[in-house]
Amino acid sequence: MDKLLEVNSILMALGFGSIITIVSKIFKSSLKSREETEIRFKNLEFANIAMLHDKIYKQCSDFLEQGWISVDDLENLDYLWRGYKGLGGNGTGEILYKKVQDLPNLKIERE
């Protein structure tokens, strides 16, 4: 009977150890997956900032060269700017955006 209890205890310990090992692997895998997801999210955020900056830079350069901006274009640029600023963008984009805001506004009649 004592041998049976001893064998039973050993089997339970091995089973418990296996469960702990499995749970540990799942937990580590989950952490790795979470880290990869966070890195991917940061990269996507950076890419969005870069694309918005490029679009704002291009549009602002065109409007400054033109010397004026339509009300509709200014509203569209503002929409891009809010997303860019909300993601942490600034610098050159902000300088150009402020210069464009000072341009004369013209309302274009659409046919």
Protein backbone atom coordinates (compact mmCIF):
# COMPACT_ATOMS: atom_id res chain seq x y z
CA MET A 1 0.00 0.00 0.00
CA ASP A 2 2.85 2.36 0.85
CA LYS A 3 4.46 1.59 -2.50
CA LEU A 4 1.18 2.38 -4.26
CA LEU A 5 0.92 5.74 -2.49
CA GLU A 6 4.53 6.48 -3.32
CA VAL A 7 4.03 5.65 -7.01
CA ASN A 8 0.80 7.65 -7.03
CA SER A 9 2.59 10.66 -5.48
CA ILE A 10 5.38 10.45 -8.05
CA LEU A 11 2.91 10.26 -10.94
CA MET A 12 0.93 13.20 -9.57
CA ALA A 13 4.13 15.25 -9.18
CA LEU A 14 5.15 14.44 -12.75
CA GLY A 15 1.68 15.31 -14.01
CA PHE A 16 1.65 18.55 -12.05
CA GLY A 17 5.12 19.39 -13.33
CA SER A 18 3.97 18.78 -16.90
CA ILE A 19 0.98 21.04 -16.40
CA ILE A 20 3.22 23.77 -14.99
CA THR A 21 5.58 23.40 -17.98
CA ILE A 22 2.71 23.62 -20.47
CA VAL A 23 1.17 26.66 -18.75
CA SER A 24 4.60 28.32 -18.60
CA LYS A 25 5.15 27.78 -22.34
CA ILE A 26 1.71 29.17 -23.15
CA PHE A 27 2.36 32.21 -20.96
CA LYS A 28 5.78 32.86 -22.54
CA SER A 29 4.30 32.45 -26.01
CA SER A 30 1.54 34.88 -25.11
CA LEU A 31 4.07 37.46 -23.89
CA LYS A 32 6.14 37.09 -27.05
CA SER A 33 3.04 37.44 -29.19
CA ARG A 34 2.02 40.54 -27.24
CA GLU A 35 5.46 42.09 -27.68
CA GLU A 36 5.36 41.36 -31.42
CA THR A 37 1.89 42.92 -31.61
CA GLU A 38 3.07 46.03 -29.78
CA ILE A 39 6.09 46.35 -32.09
CA ARG A 40 3.86 45.92 -35.14
CA PHE A 41 1.44 48.54 -33.82
CA LYS A 42 4.31 51.01 -33.22
CA ASN A 43 5.56 50.39 -36.77
CA LEU A 44 2.08 50.98 -38.22
CA GLU A 45 1.75 54.16 -36.16
CA PHE A 46 5.13 55.37 -37.44
CA ALA A 47 4.13 54.54 -41.03
CA ASN A 48 0.88 56.50 -40.64
CA ILE A 49 2.75 59.52 -39.30
CA ALA A 50 5.20 59.29 -42.20
CA MET A 51 2.41 59.09 -44.82
CA LEU A 52 0.48 61.96 -43.25
CA HIS A 53 3.65 64.04 -43.05
CA ASP A 54 4.39 63.37 -46.71
CA LYS A 55 0.86 64.32 -47.77
CA ILE A 56 0.80 67.46 -45.60
CA TYR A 57 4.28 68.47 -46.81
CA LYS A 58 3.31 67.99 -50.48
CA GLN A 59 -0.01 69.81 -50.19
CA CYS A 60 1.43 72.67 -48.15
CA SER A 61 4.28 73.13 -50.63
CA ASP A 62 1.80 73.24 -53.53
CA PHE A 63 -0.49 75.74 -51.76
CA LEU A 64 2.42 77.98 -50.76
CA GLU A 65 3.68 77.98 -54.35
CA GLN A 66 0.15 78.74 -55.57
CA GLY A 67 -0.18 81.59 -53.06
CA TRP A 68 -3.74 80.82 -51.93
CA ILE A 69 -5.89 77.96 -50.70
CA SER A 70 -9.56 77.19 -51.15
CA VAL A 71 -11.78 76.81 -48.10
CA ASP A 72 -12.43 73.16 -49.01
CA ASP A 73 -8.71 72.43 -49.34
CA LEU A 74 -8.00 74.15 -46.04
CA GLU A 75 -10.66 71.99 -44.33
CA ASN A 76 -9.16 68.86 -45.89
CA LEU A 77 -5.66 69.88 -44.81
CA ASP A 78 -6.96 70.54 -41.28
CA TYR A 79 -8.47 67.05 -41.21
CA LEU A 80 -5.08 65.54 -42.14
CA TRP A 81 -3.30 67.81 -39.67
CA ARG A 82 -5.48 66.73 -36.71
CA GLY A 83 -4.67 63.05 -37.37
CA TYR A 84 -0.97 63.82 -37.82
CA LYS A 85 -0.76 65.91 -34.65
CA GLY A 86 -2.83 63.36 -32.69
CA LEU A 87 -0.29 60.66 -33.52
CA GLY A 88 2.55 62.85 -32.31
CA GLY A 89 3.68 64.40 -35.59
CA ASN A 90 5.19 67.88 -35.55
CA GLY A 91 8.25 69.73 -36.83
CA THR A 92 8.38 70.61 -40.51
CA GLY A 93 4.76 69.64 -41.01
CA GLU A 94 3.62 72.10 -38.35
CA ILE A 95 5.70 74.97 -39.76
CA LEU A 96 4.26 74.47 -43.25
CA TYR A 97 0.72 73.99 -41.94
CA LYS A 98 0.85 77.31 -40.06
CA LYS A 99 2.17 79.10 -43.16
CA VAL A 100 -0.68 77.70 -45.25
CA GLN A 101 -3.22 78.83 -42.66
CA ASP A 102 -2.03 82.40 -43.27
CA LEU A 103 -2.67 82.19 -47.03
CA PRO A 104 -5.69 83.98 -48.51
CA ASN A 105 -8.75 81.71 -48.59
CA LEU A 106 -10.88 81.52 -51.66
CA LYS A 107 -14.21 79.79 -51.93
CA ILE A 108 -14.32 77.92 -55.23
CA GLU A 109 -17.72 77.47 -56.84
CA ARG A 110 -18.09 73.87 -57.97
CA GLU A 111 -20.05 73.21 -61.14
